[in-house]
Structures are given as structure tokens and as C-alpha cells.
Amino acid sequence: MLSFFVRWLVNIIALFVVIHTIAGVSAANSNVVIIAALIIGLLNAFLKPVLMLLTLPLNILSLGLLTLIINAFMFYLASKFVAGFSVASFWSAFCAALLFSFLSFILNMIFAPKVSFKVNTSFTEAPLSKNYDNVIDVEGKVVDKSNKEDPRE
């Protein structure tokens, strides 16, 4: 539950920065920003995965650029749900969504460090000394029957 409030606070901060940075995005007061941040978070949590799934083939063909358009649509849709929060045009929504996503990502990495990215750099095989019970290991080799040796060597 605390994680939800931390992410919501991060979204509020990011939205304040977006409103003061991007022309064409405005809010009537700080209460509107708080509600708009909640609506954007809810839209991104529930509607965005559905849209991403429905547009998956186009997203693959566009090499992920359609995701930016979907983010802009989420931002624009939030402006339709929240009175006092307005987005002037598609390009304002596009720039605002891009900045909002970047800022919320950076701030979430700082304030909600429970999310971590691990890269497995160990590409070694399991040691042969371990005893694995109930495992069938099948290894295929081409063996020349006349020489009883592997012809690939």
C-alpha cells in the first residue's frame, strides 16, 4: 500500500514538472494535478495493457514507436476525464507523455528502489559434480560406427 502512495506522489511531482514545462498542458489548481496523476496512473495500469495487447502486431512492426502514441493517448484521455486538466493538442500530449514517462521512471528509481533490474552475466553451465536426482539427461552425438569416434572432431 505504501508503494502505491509513493508511486502516486512520484506521478504528482512529475505531472507538476510537465505542466510547468510543456506548453499546451495546464491544470486549474494543485488539487486537479493530484486527481489527474491518479487518473493517469489508473489508465496506465488498466487500459494501457489492453491497448498494448490489441496493437501488438503494429507495435512490433513500428519497433515500439506505437507505444509513444499510446502514452500520448493515455495522457489526452486523462484530460477528458479530469475537469480543469487540459491538453491542447496531440503533440502537446505526446511531449507531455514523453517527459512524464521519463521523469516518473527516474523518480521511481530514486524513491521506490524495490524495483531492480538484474542482468544475468553468468553464462556458465551447472557444475558437473552436483547430483541431480530424477533428471533424464539426453545428449545426442553422431558416432561413426566403424571407428567408434565422433566424426566432428
C-alpha atoms as a PDB file:
ATOM      1  CA  MET A   1       0.000   0.000   0.000  1.00  0.00           C
ATOM      2  CA  LEU A   2       2.874   2.331   0.796  1.00  0.00           C
ATOM      3  CA  SER A   3       4.313   1.558  -2.626  1.00  0.00           C
ATOM      4  CA  PHE A   4       1.104   2.812  -4.256  1.00  0.00           C
ATOM      5  CA  PHE A   5       1.284   6.122  -2.409  1.00  0.00           C
ATOM      6  CA  VAL A   6       4.970   6.568  -3.207  1.00  0.00           C
ATOM      7  CA  ARG A   7       4.311   5.995  -6.910  1.00  0.00           C
ATOM      8  CA  TRP A   8       1.334   8.336  -6.797  1.00  0.00           C
ATOM      9  CA  LEU A   9       3.463  11.031  -5.161  1.00  0.00           C
ATOM     10  CA  VAL A  10       6.120  10.497  -7.831  1.00  0.00           C
ATOM     11  CA  ASN A  11       3.471  10.883 -10.544  1.00  0.00           C
ATOM     12  CA  ILE A  12       2.211  14.082  -8.900  1.00  0.00           C
ATOM     13  CA  ILE A  13       5.716  15.552  -8.887  1.00  0.00           C
ATOM     14  CA  ALA A  14       6.297  14.504 -12.497  1.00  0.00           C
ATOM     15  CA  LEU A  15       2.962  15.990 -13.554  1.00  0.00           C
ATOM     16  CA  PHE A  16       3.764  19.301 -11.829  1.00  0.00           C
ATOM     17  CA  VAL A  17       7.026  19.464 -13.788  1.00  0.00           C
ATOM     18  CA  VAL A  18       5.245  18.578 -17.048  1.00  0.00           C
ATOM     19  CA  ILE A  19       2.588  21.258 -16.525  1.00  0.00           C
ATOM     20  CA  HIS A  20       5.230  23.918 -15.900  1.00  0.00           C
ATOM     21  CA  THR A  21       7.442  22.733 -18.780  1.00  0.00           C
ATOM     22  CA  ILE A  22       5.229  21.756 -21.728  1.00  0.00           C
ATOM     23  CA  ALA A  23       3.170  24.443 -23.425  1.00  0.00           C
ATOM     24  CA  GLY A  24      -0.374  23.285 -24.065  1.00  0.00           C
ATOM     25  CA  VAL A  25      -0.708  21.289 -20.841  1.00  0.00           C
ATOM     26  CA  SER A  26      -2.362  23.064 -17.945  1.00  0.00           C
ATOM     27  CA  ALA A  27      -4.194  22.454 -14.701  1.00  0.00           C
ATOM     28  CA  ALA A  28      -6.526  24.756 -12.823  1.00  0.00           C
ATOM     29  CA  ASN A  29      -5.006  24.125  -9.382  1.00  0.00           C
ATOM     30  CA  SER A  30      -2.956  21.645  -7.385  1.00  0.00           C
ATOM     31  CA  ASN A  31      -5.995  19.521  -6.486  1.00  0.00           C
ATOM     32  CA  VAL A  32      -6.586  18.938 -10.188  1.00  0.00           C
ATOM     33  CA  VAL A  33      -2.956  17.829 -10.592  1.00  0.00           C
ATOM     34  CA  ILE A  34      -3.360  15.309  -7.767  1.00  0.00           C
ATOM     35  CA  ILE A  35      -6.519  13.842  -9.326  1.00  0.00           C
ATOM     36  CA  ALA A  36      -5.002  13.887 -12.837  1.00  0.00           C
ATOM     37  CA  ALA A  37      -1.931  11.992 -11.597  1.00  0.00           C
ATOM     38  CA  LEU A  38      -4.225   9.371 -10.075  1.00  0.00           C
ATOM     39  CA  ILE A  39      -6.260   9.051 -13.290  1.00  0.00           C
ATOM     40  CA  ILE A  40      -3.112   8.776 -15.435  1.00  0.00           C
ATOM     41  CA  GLY A  41      -1.798   6.073 -13.114  1.00  0.00           C
ATOM     42  CA  LEU A  42      -5.080   4.149 -13.250  1.00  0.00           C
ATOM     43  CA  LEU A  43      -5.298   4.431 -17.038  1.00  0.00           C
ATOM     44  CA  ASN A  44      -1.715   3.214 -17.360  1.00  0.00           C
ATOM     45  CA  ALA A  45      -2.427   0.329 -15.006  1.00  0.00           C
ATOM     46  CA  PHE A  46      -5.686  -0.919 -16.510  1.00  0.00           C
ATOM     47  CA  LEU A  47      -6.297   0.414 -20.033  1.00  0.00           C
ATOM     48  CA  LYS A  48      -2.756   0.612 -21.377  1.00  0.00           C
ATOM     49  CA  PRO A  49      -2.008  -3.147 -21.133  1.00  0.00           C
ATOM     50  CA  VAL A  50      -5.200  -3.889 -23.080  1.00  0.00           C
ATOM     51  CA  LEU A  51      -4.267  -1.386 -25.793  1.00  0.00           C
ATOM     52  CA  MET A  52      -0.727  -2.739 -25.922  1.00  0.00           C
ATOM     53  CA  LEU A  53      -2.050  -6.266 -26.399  1.00  0.00           C
ATOM     54  CA  LEU A  54      -4.523  -5.223 -29.089  1.00  0.00           C
ATOM     55  CA  THR A  55      -1.910  -3.253 -31.019  1.00  0.00           C
ATOM     56  CA  LEU A  56       0.930  -5.730 -30.515  1.00  0.00           C
ATOM     57  CA  PRO A  57       1.438  -6.592 -34.211  1.00  0.00           C
ATOM     58  CA  LEU A  58       1.558  -2.910 -35.188  1.00  0.00           C
ATOM     59  CA  ASN A  59       3.807  -2.162 -32.245  1.00  0.00           C
ATOM     60  CA  ILE A  60       6.236  -4.843 -33.368  1.00  0.00           C
ATOM     61  CA  LEU A  61       6.200  -3.535 -36.936  1.00  0.00           C
ATOM     62  CA  SER A  62       6.821   0.016 -35.742  1.00  0.00           C
ATOM     63  CA  LEU A  63       9.658  -1.183 -33.476  1.00  0.00           C
ATOM     64  CA  GLY A  64       7.881   0.084 -30.383  1.00  0.00           C
ATOM     65  CA  LEU A  65       7.123   3.592 -31.602  1.00  0.00           C
ATOM     66  CA  LEU A  66       3.399   2.933 -31.271  1.00  0.00           C
ATOM     67  CA  THR A  67       3.951   2.795 -27.508  1.00  0.00           C
ATOM     68  CA  LEU A  68       4.744   6.512 -27.565  1.00  0.00           C
ATOM     69  CA  ILE A  69       1.452   7.206 -29.318  1.00  0.00           C
ATOM     70  CA  ILE A  70      -0.423   5.058 -26.797  1.00  0.00           C
ATOM     71  CA  ASN A  71       1.228   7.001 -23.959  1.00  0.00           C
ATOM     72  CA  ALA A  72       0.123  10.266 -25.575  1.00  0.00           C
ATOM     73  CA  PHE A  73      -3.407   8.871 -25.903  1.00  0.00           C
ATOM     74  CA  MET A  74      -3.445   7.960 -22.192  1.00  0.00           C
ATOM     75  CA  PHE A  75      -2.377  11.493 -21.325  1.00  0.00           C
ATOM     76  CA  TYR A  76      -5.008  13.015 -23.616  1.00  0.00           C
ATOM     77  CA  LEU A  77      -7.685  10.653 -22.268  1.00  0.00           C
ATOM     78  CA  ALA A  78      -6.873  11.706 -18.714  1.00  0.00           C
ATOM     79  CA  SER A  79      -7.507  15.305 -19.729  1.00  0.00           C
ATOM     80  CA  LYS A  80     -11.003  14.285 -20.855  1.00  0.00           C
ATOM     81  CA  PHE A  81     -11.777  12.626 -17.503  1.00  0.00           C
ATOM     82  CA  VAL A  82     -10.482  15.365 -15.195  1.00  0.00           C
ATOM     83  CA  ALA A  83     -12.180  18.763 -15.263  1.00  0.00           C
ATOM     84  CA  GLY A  84      -9.599  21.534 -15.052  1.00  0.00           C
ATOM     85  CA  PHE A  85      -6.805  19.474 -16.605  1.00  0.00           C
ATOM     86  CA  SER A  86      -6.372  20.258 -20.280  1.00  0.00           C
ATOM     87  CA  VAL A  87      -4.124  19.167 -23.111  1.00  0.00           C
ATOM     88  CA  ALA A  88      -4.247  21.434 -26.171  1.00  0.00           C
ATOM     89  CA  SER A  89      -3.181  19.090 -28.977  1.00  0.00           C
ATOM     90  CA  PHE A  90      -1.793  15.687 -29.838  1.00  0.00           C
ATOM     91  CA  TRP A  91       1.771  16.998 -29.940  1.00  0.00           C
ATOM     92  CA  SER A  92       1.361  18.590 -26.521  1.00  0.00           C
ATOM     93  CA  ALA A  93       0.115  15.245 -25.218  1.00  0.00           C
ATOM     94  CA  PHE A  94       2.974  13.442 -26.989  1.00  0.00           C
ATOM     95  CA  CYS A  95       5.685  15.676 -25.496  1.00  0.00           C
ATOM     96  CA  ALA A  96       3.995  15.698 -22.094  1.00  0.00           C
ATOM     97  CA  ALA A  97       3.679  11.900 -22.034  1.00  0.00           C
ATOM     98  CA  LEU A  98       7.304  11.505 -23.068  1.00  0.00           C
ATOM     99  CA  LEU A  99       8.546  13.859 -20.348  1.00  0.00           C
ATOM    100  CA  PHE A 100       6.119  12.404 -17.787  1.00  0.00           C
ATOM    101  CA  SER A 101       7.283   8.842 -18.506  1.00  0.00           C
ATOM    102  CA  PHE A 102      10.944   9.815 -18.270  1.00  0.00           C
ATOM    103  CA  LEU A 103      10.520  11.773 -15.039  1.00  0.00           C
ATOM    104  CA  SER A 104       8.360   9.159 -13.357  1.00  0.00           C
ATOM    105  CA  PHE A 105      10.852   6.439 -14.307  1.00  0.00           C
ATOM    106  CA  ILE A 106      13.784   8.386 -12.833  1.00  0.00           C
ATOM    107  CA  LEU A 107      11.885   9.403  -9.708  1.00  0.00           C
ATOM    108  CA  ASN A 108      10.584   5.861  -9.166  1.00  0.00           C
ATOM    109  CA  MET A 109      14.148   4.569  -9.355  1.00  0.00           C
ATOM    110  CA  ILE A 110      15.134   7.077  -6.666  1.00  0.00           C
ATOM    111  CA  PHE A 111      12.152   6.920  -4.301  1.00  0.00           C
ATOM    112  CA  ALA A 112      10.875   3.374  -4.850  1.00  0.00           C
ATOM    113  CA  PRO A 113      14.082   1.328  -5.121  1.00  0.00           C
ATOM    114  CA  LYS A 114      12.301  -2.005  -4.597  1.00  0.00           C
ATOM    115  CA  VAL A 115      12.128  -2.379  -8.351  1.00  0.00           C
ATOM    116  CA  SER A 116      15.523  -3.524  -9.552  1.00  0.00           C
ATOM    117  CA  PHE A 117      16.843  -4.628 -12.860  1.00  0.00           C
ATOM    118  CA  LYS A 118      19.166  -7.616 -12.830  1.00  0.00           C
ATOM    119  CA  VAL A 119      21.242  -8.714 -15.743  1.00  0.00           C
ATOM    120  CA  ASN A 120      22.490 -12.261 -15.597  1.00  0.00           C
ATOM    121  CA  THR A 121      26.123 -12.131 -16.622  1.00  0.00           C
ATOM    122  CA  SER A 122      26.885 -15.685 -15.611  1.00  0.00           C
ATOM    123  CA  PHE A 123      26.752 -17.891 -18.671  1.00  0.00           C
ATOM    124  CA  THR A 124      28.490 -20.867 -17.141  1.00  0.00           C
ATOM    125  CA  GLU A 125      26.905 -24.262 -17.017  1.00  0.00           C
ATOM    126  CA  ALA A 126      25.954 -26.017 -13.818  1.00  0.00           C
ATOM    127  CA  PRO A 127      28.848 -27.821 -12.190  1.00  0.00           C
ATOM    128  CA  LEU A 128      29.118 -31.475 -13.101  1.00  0.00           C
ATOM    129  CA  SER A 129      29.739 -32.533  -9.530  1.00  0.00           C
ATOM    130  CA  LYS A 130      26.146 -31.893  -8.472  1.00  0.00           C
ATOM    131  CA  ASN A 131      23.901 -34.889  -8.259  1.00  0.00           C
ATOM    132  CA  TYR A 132      20.555 -34.249  -9.917  1.00  0.00           C
ATOM    133  CA  ASP A 133      18.083 -36.962  -8.973  1.00  0.00           C
ATOM    134  CA  ASN A 134      15.042 -37.643 -11.136  1.00  0.00           C
ATOM    135  CA  VAL A 135      16.531 -35.867 -14.157  1.00  0.00           C
ATOM    136  CA  ILE A 136      16.873 -37.521 -17.522  1.00  0.00           C
ATOM    137  CA  ASP A 137      19.760 -36.045 -19.468  1.00  0.00           C
ATOM    138  CA  VAL A 138      19.843 -36.899 -23.157  1.00  0.00           C
ATOM    139  CA  GLU A 139      22.831 -35.942 -25.248  1.00  0.00           C
ATOM    140  CA  GLY A 140      22.854 -36.620 -28.941  1.00  0.00           C
ATOM    141  CA  LYS A 141      26.143 -37.432 -30.664  1.00  0.00           C
ATOM    142  CA  VAL A 142      26.851 -38.594 -34.155  1.00  0.00           C
ATOM    143  CA  VAL A 143      29.176 -41.568 -33.906  1.00  0.00           C
ATOM    144  CA  ASP A 144      30.799 -43.299 -36.829  1.00  0.00           C
ATOM    145  CA  LYS A 145      30.112 -46.981 -36.203  1.00  0.00           C
ATOM    146  CA  SER A 146      33.244 -48.150 -37.977  1.00  0.00           C
ATOM    147  CA  ASN A 147      35.706 -46.036 -35.933  1.00  0.00           C
ATOM    148  CA  LYS A 148      33.589 -45.575 -32.801  1.00  0.00           C
ATOM    149  CA  GLU A 149      34.680 -41.920 -32.747  1.00  0.00           C
ATOM    150  CA  ASP A 150      32.905 -38.670 -33.298  1.00  0.00           C
ATOM    151  CA  PRO A 151      33.414 -37.546 -36.952  1.00  0.00           C
ATOM    152  CA  ARG A 152      33.167 -33.874 -35.978  1.00  0.00           C
ATOM    153  CA  GLU A 153      36.483 -33.963 -34.133  1.00  0.00           C
END
